[in-house]
Protein backbone atom coordinates (compact mmCIF):
# COMPACT_ATOMS: atom_id res chain seq x y z
CA UNK A 1 93.23 84.94 100.36
CA UNK A 2 96.65 85.74 101.85
CA UNK A 3 99.99 85.71 100.10
CA UNK A 4 100.77 82.51 102.00
CA UNK A 5 97.52 80.90 100.79
CA UNK A 6 98.53 81.49 97.16
CA UNK A 7 101.50 79.19 97.74
CA UNK A 8 99.65 76.84 100.11
CA UNK A 9 102.01 77.78 102.96
CA UNK A 10 101.28 78.48 106.62
CA UNK A 11 101.86 82.10 107.69
CA UNK A 12 105.37 82.30 109.14
CA UNK A 13 108.42 84.53 109.24
CA UNK A 14 110.45 81.44 108.40
CA UNK A 15 110.46 80.42 104.73
CA UNK A 16 112.77 78.59 102.39
CA UNK A 17 113.12 81.42 99.86
CA UNK A 18 114.67 79.21 97.17
CA UNK A 19 111.76 76.73 97.43
CA UNK A 20 109.32 79.67 97.39
CA UNK A 21 110.92 81.07 94.22
CA UNK A 22 110.76 77.64 92.57
CA UNK A 23 107.09 77.30 93.49
CA UNK A 24 106.41 80.82 92.22
CA UNK A 25 108.01 79.98 88.90
CA UNK A 26 105.92 76.81 88.58
CA UNK A 27 102.64 78.50 89.53
CA UNK A 28 103.39 81.49 87.30
CA UNK A 29 103.93 79.24 84.31
CA UNK A 30 100.70 77.37 85.02
CA UNK A 31 98.59 80.49 85.41
CA UNK A 32 100.21 82.89 82.96
CA UNK A 33 97.60 84.47 80.66
CA UNK A 34 99.71 83.69 77.58
CA UNK A 35 99.29 79.97 78.26
CA UNK A 36 95.56 80.18 77.61
CA UNK A 37 94.34 79.04 74.26
CA UNK A 38 93.78 81.92 71.87
CA UNK A 39 90.07 81.15 71.97
CA UNK A 40 89.80 81.61 75.77
CA UNK A 41 87.05 83.95 76.81
CA UNK A 42 87.73 87.39 78.27
CA UNK A 43 86.79 86.27 81.80
CA UNK A 44 89.32 83.41 81.76
CA UNK A 45 92.05 85.76 80.49
CA UNK A 46 91.18 88.35 83.15
CA UNK A 47 91.25 85.72 85.94
CA UNK A 48 94.59 84.40 84.71
CA UNK A 49 96.02 87.93 84.63
CA UNK A 50 94.72 88.62 88.16
CA UNK A 51 96.23 85.39 89.50
CA UNK A 52 99.53 86.16 87.82
CA UNK A 53 99.55 89.66 89.34
CA UNK A 54 98.67 88.25 92.79
CA UNK A 55 101.50 85.73 92.60
CA UNK A 56 103.96 88.46 91.60
CA UNK A 57 102.91 90.72 94.48
CA UNK A 58 103.01 87.82 96.94
CA UNK A 59 106.53 86.78 95.96
CA UNK A 60 107.78 90.36 96.40
CA UNK A 61 106.46 90.41 99.97
CA UNK A 62 107.30 86.88 101.02
CA UNK A 63 110.87 86.66 99.75
CA UNK A 64 111.94 89.82 101.61
CA UNK A 65 112.37 89.05 105.34
CA UNK A 66 111.46 92.59 106.42
CA UNK A 67 108.33 92.83 104.28
CA UNK A 68 107.38 89.28 105.30
CA UNK A 69 107.65 90.15 109.02
CA UNK A 70 105.45 93.23 108.54
CA UNK A 71 102.97 91.10 106.59
CA UNK A 72 102.81 88.38 109.28
CA UNK A 73 102.22 91.12 111.86
CA UNK A 74 99.46 92.52 109.66
CA UNK A 75 97.84 89.07 109.54
CA UNK A 76 97.87 89.20 113.34
CA UNK A 77 95.88 92.46 113.21
CA UNK A 78 98.57 95.16 113.36
CA UNK A 79 99.33 97.11 110.19
CA UNK A 80 102.44 99.23 110.71
CA UNK A 81 103.13 100.16 107.10
CA UNK A 82 101.06 103.32 107.25
CA UNK A 83 102.14 106.57 108.88
CA UNK A 84 98.89 106.73 110.85
CA UNK A 85 99.32 103.25 112.32
CA UNK A 86 102.98 103.83 113.09
CA UNK A 87 102.12 107.10 114.85
CA UNK A 88 99.84 105.20 117.24
CA UNK A 89 102.73 102.92 118.22
CA UNK A 90 104.30 104.31 121.36
CA UNK A 91 108.03 104.07 120.75
CA UNK A 92 110.23 104.47 123.85
CA UNK A 93 111.36 108.05 124.35
CA UNK A 94 115.03 107.07 124.65
CA UNK A 95 114.85 105.34 121.26
CA UNK A 96 113.25 108.40 119.65
CA UNK A 97 115.91 110.65 121.18
CA UNK A 98 118.67 108.33 119.93
CA UNK A 99 117.27 108.21 116.39
CA UNK A 100 116.91 112.02 116.39
CA UNK A 101 120.56 112.41 117.42
CA UNK A 102 121.63 109.99 114.69
CA UNK A 103 119.59 111.89 112.09
CA UNK A 104 121.19 115.16 113.18
CA UNK A 105 124.63 113.56 112.82
CA UNK A 106 123.67 112.29 109.36
CA UNK A 107 122.47 115.77 108.36
CA UNK A 108 125.81 117.20 109.53
CA UNK A 109 127.68 114.59 107.48
CA UNK A 110 125.54 115.40 104.45
CA UNK A 111 126.07 119.14 104.89
CA UNK A 112 129.83 118.56 105.10
CA UNK A 113 129.64 116.10 102.19
CA UNK A 114 131.33 113.46 104.37
CA UNK A 115 130.42 110.24 102.63
CA UNK A 116 132.57 107.97 104.81
CA UNK A 117 130.92 109.27 107.97
CA UNK A 118 127.46 108.69 106.51
CA UNK A 119 128.43 105.19 105.37
CA UNK A 120 129.81 104.40 108.83
CA UNK A 121 126.52 105.50 110.39
CA UNK A 122 124.71 103.41 107.80
CA UNK A 123 126.66 100.30 108.85
CA UNK A 124 125.71 100.86 112.49
CA UNK A 125 122.07 101.39 111.61
CA UNK A 126 122.05 98.32 109.35
CA UNK A 127 123.32 96.22 112.27
CA UNK A 128 120.61 97.69 114.52
CA UNK A 129 117.98 96.97 111.85
CA UNK A 130 119.15 93.37 111.57
CA UNK A 131 118.99 92.96 115.35
CA UNK A 132 115.52 94.51 115.57
CA UNK A 133 114.27 92.33 112.72
CA UNK A 134 115.57 89.24 114.53
CA UNK A 135 113.77 90.32 117.72
CA UNK A 136 110.57 90.87 115.73
CA UNK A 137 110.82 87.47 114.08
CA UNK A 138 111.37 85.76 117.44
CA UNK A 139 108.38 87.62 118.89
CA UNK A 140 106.19 86.66 115.93
CA UNK A 141 107.19 83.00 116.33
CA UNK A 142 105.95 83.27 119.93
CA UNK A 143 102.83 85.20 118.89
CA UNK A 144 103.97 88.20 120.98
CA UNK A 145 102.34 90.89 118.87
CA UNK A 146 103.22 93.78 121.20
CA UNK A 147 106.94 92.96 121.23
CA UNK A 148 106.94 92.35 117.46
CA UNK A 149 105.21 95.68 116.89
CA UNK A 150 107.84 97.60 118.84
CA UNK A 151 110.71 95.80 117.14
CA UNK A 152 109.22 96.40 113.68
CA UNK A 153 108.57 100.02 114.64
CA UNK A 154 112.32 100.31 115.15
CA UNK A 155 112.91 98.60 111.80
CA UNK A 156 110.80 101.32 110.11
CA UNK A 157 112.95 104.10 111.59
CA UNK A 158 116.17 102.30 110.69
CA UNK A 159 115.01 101.59 107.15
CA UNK A 160 114.20 105.28 106.60
CA UNK A 161 117.64 106.23 107.91
CA UNK A 162 119.29 103.81 105.48
CA UNK A 163 117.21 105.23 102.62
CA UNK A 164 118.65 108.67 103.46
CA UNK A 165 122.20 107.30 103.46
CA UNK A 166 121.57 105.61 100.09
CA UNK A 167 120.13 108.83 98.65
CA UNK A 168 123.18 110.77 99.88
CA UNK A 169 125.54 108.22 98.28
CA UNK A 170 123.61 108.45 95.03
CA UNK A 171 123.65 112.24 95.13
CA UNK A 172 127.42 112.31 95.52
CA UNK A 173 128.00 109.75 92.80
CA UNK A 174 126.02 111.65 90.16
């Protein structure tokens, strides 16, 4: 059973997140283990707990557009959320060179403790991530798995870059 199946939704990168959250709340209340009568058997309590956990995991994935796109791609047979799978994806050399140059610039900003420079790079990378996510979503709508895979491969690199910027900001603020 997929995350979409739990909510009786078709797999898609397009979701009404507010409606999804409302449905999650309703289903969670219906299936919460605490709603079982105190005399419920252990199997019924275990099943209710499992369903509740499944709903919670599903909502985490489906309400986040990036995680949802990776999940839809996974349902189409490509799982990019592992290092091994991502390594098999042949990213264009010019993209890899560009990301390496950006990482070197970020390292220089970190070494010089230049927060504004790192934040500026982060804004550029965030815009690139948003653009790549949009390309991936469009490709997934058209069932173009190869194009979606490349676009989401870029998203992975950009997300890691942004994690480094966030960690640098946190380091300087503590």
